[in-house]
N, C-alpha and C. Protein backbone atom coordinates (compact mmCIF):
# COMPACT_ATOMS: atom_id res chain seq x y z
N MET A 1 -45.24 -234.96 -24.80
CA MET A 1 -45.20 -233.52 -25.01
C MET A 1 -45.76 -232.81 -23.78
N MET A 2 -45.02 -231.82 -23.30
CA MET A 2 -45.44 -231.08 -22.12
C MET A 2 -46.57 -230.12 -22.46
N GLU A 3 -47.59 -230.08 -21.62
CA GLU A 3 -48.70 -229.17 -21.84
C GLU A 3 -48.39 -227.84 -21.16
N MET A 4 -48.54 -226.76 -21.89
CA MET A 4 -48.27 -225.43 -21.35
C MET A 4 -49.60 -224.76 -21.04
N GLU A 5 -49.70 -224.20 -19.86
CA GLU A 5 -50.89 -223.46 -19.48
C GLU A 5 -50.69 -222.01 -19.88
N SER A 6 -51.70 -221.43 -20.50
CA SER A 6 -51.56 -220.03 -20.92
C SER A 6 -51.61 -219.12 -19.70
N ALA A 7 -51.05 -217.93 -19.86
CA ALA A 7 -51.09 -216.95 -18.78
C ALA A 7 -52.54 -216.61 -18.44
N PHE A 8 -53.37 -216.51 -19.47
CA PHE A 8 -54.79 -216.22 -19.25
C PHE A 8 -55.43 -217.29 -18.37
N ASP A 9 -55.16 -218.55 -18.70
CA ASP A 9 -55.71 -219.66 -17.90
C ASP A 9 -55.20 -219.62 -16.46
N MET A 10 -53.95 -219.21 -16.29
CA MET A 10 -53.39 -219.13 -14.94
C MET A 10 -54.11 -218.07 -14.10
N LEU A 11 -54.57 -217.02 -14.76
CA LEU A 11 -55.17 -215.89 -14.05
C LEU A 11 -56.68 -216.04 -13.86
N ALA A 12 -57.30 -216.83 -14.74
CA ALA A 12 -58.75 -216.99 -14.69
C ALA A 12 -59.16 -217.86 -13.51
N GLU A 13 -60.24 -217.49 -12.89
CA GLU A 13 -60.78 -218.27 -11.77
C GLU A 13 -59.67 -218.66 -10.79
N ASP A 14 -58.98 -217.65 -10.30
CA ASP A 14 -57.83 -217.86 -9.42
C ASP A 14 -57.99 -217.02 -8.15
N PRO A 15 -59.04 -217.30 -7.36
CA PRO A 15 -59.28 -216.46 -6.18
C PRO A 15 -58.13 -216.48 -5.18
N SER A 16 -57.33 -217.55 -5.16
CA SER A 16 -56.21 -217.62 -4.22
C SER A 16 -55.05 -216.73 -4.65
N GLY A 17 -55.00 -216.38 -5.93
CA GLY A 17 -53.91 -215.57 -6.45
C GLY A 17 -52.66 -216.36 -6.77
N GLN A 18 -52.74 -217.69 -6.72
CA GLN A 18 -51.57 -218.54 -6.98
C GLN A 18 -51.04 -218.35 -8.40
N GLY A 19 -51.93 -218.28 -9.38
CA GLY A 19 -51.49 -218.09 -10.77
C GLY A 19 -50.77 -216.76 -10.95
N LEU A 20 -51.33 -215.71 -10.35
CA LEU A 20 -50.70 -214.40 -10.44
C LEU A 20 -49.33 -214.42 -9.77
N ARG A 21 -49.21 -215.04 -8.62
CA ARG A 21 -47.92 -215.15 -7.93
C ARG A 21 -46.91 -215.88 -8.80
N GLN A 22 -47.35 -216.97 -9.44
CA GLN A 22 -46.45 -217.74 -10.29
C GLN A 22 -45.95 -216.90 -11.47
N LEU A 23 -46.87 -216.17 -12.10
CA LEU A 23 -46.47 -215.30 -13.22
C LEU A 23 -45.49 -214.23 -12.76
N ARG A 24 -45.78 -213.62 -11.60
CA ARG A 24 -44.87 -212.59 -11.07
C ARG A 24 -43.48 -213.17 -10.82
N GLU A 25 -43.42 -214.39 -10.31
CA GLU A 25 -42.11 -215.03 -10.07
C GLU A 25 -41.35 -215.23 -11.37
N GLU A 26 -42.05 -215.68 -12.41
CA GLU A 26 -41.40 -215.88 -13.71
C GLU A 26 -40.91 -214.55 -14.28
N LEU A 27 -41.72 -213.51 -14.15
CA LEU A 27 -41.32 -212.19 -14.65
C LEU A 27 -40.13 -211.65 -13.85
N PHE A 28 -40.13 -211.89 -12.54
CA PHE A 28 -39.00 -211.47 -11.70
C PHE A 28 -37.71 -212.16 -12.16
N GLU A 29 -37.81 -213.46 -12.46
CA GLU A 29 -36.64 -214.19 -12.94
C GLU A 29 -36.14 -213.63 -14.26
N MET A 30 -37.07 -213.30 -15.17
CA MET A 30 -36.67 -212.70 -16.44
C MET A 30 -35.96 -211.37 -16.20
N ARG A 31 -36.56 -210.55 -15.35
CA ARG A 31 -35.98 -209.24 -15.03
C ARG A 31 -34.57 -209.42 -14.44
N THR A 32 -34.42 -210.38 -13.53
CA THR A 32 -33.13 -210.63 -12.89
C THR A 32 -32.09 -211.07 -13.91
N ASP A 33 -32.48 -211.96 -14.82
CA ASP A 33 -31.55 -212.44 -15.85
C ASP A 33 -31.08 -211.30 -16.75
N VAL A 34 -32.02 -210.46 -17.17
CA VAL A 34 -31.66 -209.34 -18.05
C VAL A 34 -30.77 -208.35 -17.31
N LYS A 35 -31.11 -208.06 -16.07
CA LYS A 35 -30.31 -207.12 -15.26
C LYS A 35 -28.89 -207.65 -15.08
N ARG A 36 -28.77 -208.94 -14.81
CA ARG A 36 -27.45 -209.56 -14.64
C ARG A 36 -26.62 -209.40 -15.92
N ALA A 37 -27.26 -209.64 -17.06
CA ALA A 37 -26.57 -209.49 -18.34
C ALA A 37 -26.17 -208.04 -18.59
N MET A 38 -27.05 -207.10 -18.22
CA MET A 38 -26.73 -205.68 -18.39
C MET A 38 -25.54 -205.29 -17.51
N ASP A 39 -25.54 -205.79 -16.28
CA ASP A 39 -24.46 -205.47 -15.34
C ASP A 39 -23.13 -206.06 -15.79
N ALA A 40 -23.18 -207.17 -16.52
CA ALA A 40 -21.96 -207.82 -17.00
C ALA A 40 -21.32 -207.06 -18.16
N GLY A 41 -22.10 -206.17 -18.78
CA GLY A 41 -21.57 -205.37 -19.87
C GLY A 41 -22.17 -205.77 -21.21
N MET A 42 -22.55 -204.77 -21.96
CA MET A 42 -23.16 -204.98 -23.27
C MET A 42 -22.75 -203.85 -24.19
N THR A 43 -22.87 -204.11 -25.48
CA THR A 43 -22.69 -203.03 -26.45
C THR A 43 -23.89 -202.09 -26.32
N SER A 44 -23.79 -200.92 -26.91
CA SER A 44 -24.91 -199.97 -26.83
C SER A 44 -26.16 -200.52 -27.51
N ASP A 45 -25.98 -201.27 -28.60
CA ASP A 45 -27.13 -201.87 -29.28
C ASP A 45 -27.78 -202.94 -28.40
N GLU A 46 -26.95 -203.77 -27.77
CA GLU A 46 -27.49 -204.80 -26.87
C GLU A 46 -28.20 -204.17 -25.68
N MET A 47 -27.64 -203.08 -25.16
CA MET A 47 -28.25 -202.39 -24.03
C MET A 47 -29.62 -201.82 -24.41
N ALA A 48 -29.74 -201.32 -25.62
CA ALA A 48 -31.02 -200.79 -26.08
C ALA A 48 -32.07 -201.91 -26.13
N VAL A 49 -31.67 -203.07 -26.61
CA VAL A 49 -32.58 -204.21 -26.65
C VAL A 49 -32.93 -204.65 -25.23
N ALA A 50 -31.94 -204.69 -24.35
CA ALA A 50 -32.17 -205.10 -22.96
C ALA A 50 -33.16 -204.15 -22.29
N ARG A 51 -33.05 -202.86 -22.55
CA ARG A 51 -34.00 -201.90 -21.97
C ARG A 51 -35.41 -202.15 -22.48
N GLN A 52 -35.52 -202.50 -23.76
CA GLN A 52 -36.83 -202.82 -24.32
C GLN A 52 -37.41 -204.07 -23.68
N VAL A 53 -36.57 -205.06 -23.44
CA VAL A 53 -37.02 -206.29 -22.78
C VAL A 53 -37.51 -205.97 -21.37
N MET A 54 -36.75 -205.15 -20.64
CA MET A 54 -37.16 -204.77 -19.28
C MET A 54 -38.52 -204.05 -19.31
N ALA A 55 -38.71 -203.15 -20.26
CA ALA A 55 -39.98 -202.44 -20.37
C ALA A 55 -41.11 -203.41 -20.70
N ALA A 56 -40.83 -204.39 -21.54
CA ALA A 56 -41.85 -205.39 -21.89
C ALA A 56 -42.22 -206.24 -20.68
N VAL A 57 -41.24 -206.62 -19.88
CA VAL A 57 -41.51 -207.41 -18.68
C VAL A 57 -42.36 -206.59 -17.71
N ASP A 58 -42.02 -205.31 -17.53
CA ASP A 58 -42.81 -204.45 -16.65
C ASP A 58 -44.24 -204.33 -17.15
N SER A 59 -44.40 -204.16 -18.46
CA SER A 59 -45.74 -204.07 -19.04
C SER A 59 -46.52 -205.37 -18.86
N ALA A 60 -45.84 -206.48 -19.04
CA ALA A 60 -46.49 -207.79 -18.87
C ALA A 60 -47.02 -207.95 -17.46
N GLU A 61 -46.25 -207.48 -16.48
CA GLU A 61 -46.69 -207.59 -15.09
C GLU A 61 -47.93 -206.74 -14.85
N LYS A 62 -47.94 -205.52 -15.39
CA LYS A 62 -49.10 -204.64 -15.23
C LYS A 62 -50.34 -205.25 -15.88
N VAL A 63 -50.17 -205.79 -17.07
CA VAL A 63 -51.29 -206.42 -17.77
C VAL A 63 -51.80 -207.63 -16.99
N ALA A 64 -50.89 -208.46 -16.49
CA ALA A 64 -51.29 -209.64 -15.72
C ALA A 64 -52.11 -209.23 -14.50
N GLU A 65 -51.69 -208.17 -13.82
CA GLU A 65 -52.44 -207.70 -12.65
C GLU A 65 -53.83 -207.22 -13.03
N ARG A 66 -53.93 -206.48 -14.14
CA ARG A 66 -55.24 -205.99 -14.60
C ARG A 66 -56.16 -207.15 -15.01
N VAL A 67 -55.61 -208.10 -15.75
CA VAL A 67 -56.40 -209.26 -16.18
C VAL A 67 -56.85 -210.05 -14.95
N TYR A 68 -55.94 -210.26 -14.01
CA TYR A 68 -56.30 -210.99 -12.79
C TYR A 68 -57.44 -210.27 -12.06
N ASP A 69 -57.30 -208.96 -11.88
CA ASP A 69 -58.34 -208.19 -11.18
C ASP A 69 -59.68 -208.29 -11.89
N THR A 70 -59.66 -208.22 -13.21
CA THR A 70 -60.89 -208.28 -14.00
C THR A 70 -61.56 -209.65 -13.90
N LEU A 71 -60.76 -210.71 -13.94
CA LEU A 71 -61.32 -212.06 -13.97
C LEU A 71 -61.69 -212.59 -12.59
N ASN A 72 -61.24 -211.92 -11.54
CA ASN A 72 -61.46 -212.44 -10.19
C ASN A 72 -62.19 -211.45 -9.29
N ARG A 73 -63.05 -210.66 -9.90
CA ARG A 73 -63.85 -209.69 -9.13
C ARG A 73 -64.86 -210.40 -8.28
């Protein structure tokens, strides 16, 4: 069974910023995948969900940055 590291663990005690960089890369990939799907065409209901996903990804990035800053002062 593969062990998953939590986002919190990735950000804690991370003076190099490697964990934050990794999270940002994953969020960028999510954003890119959703954008690609939006560009390919969606129903209005699907587009509404896609916009919510994009907003959630943006929020996740902001939270990750704040948590990183707080834990690595």
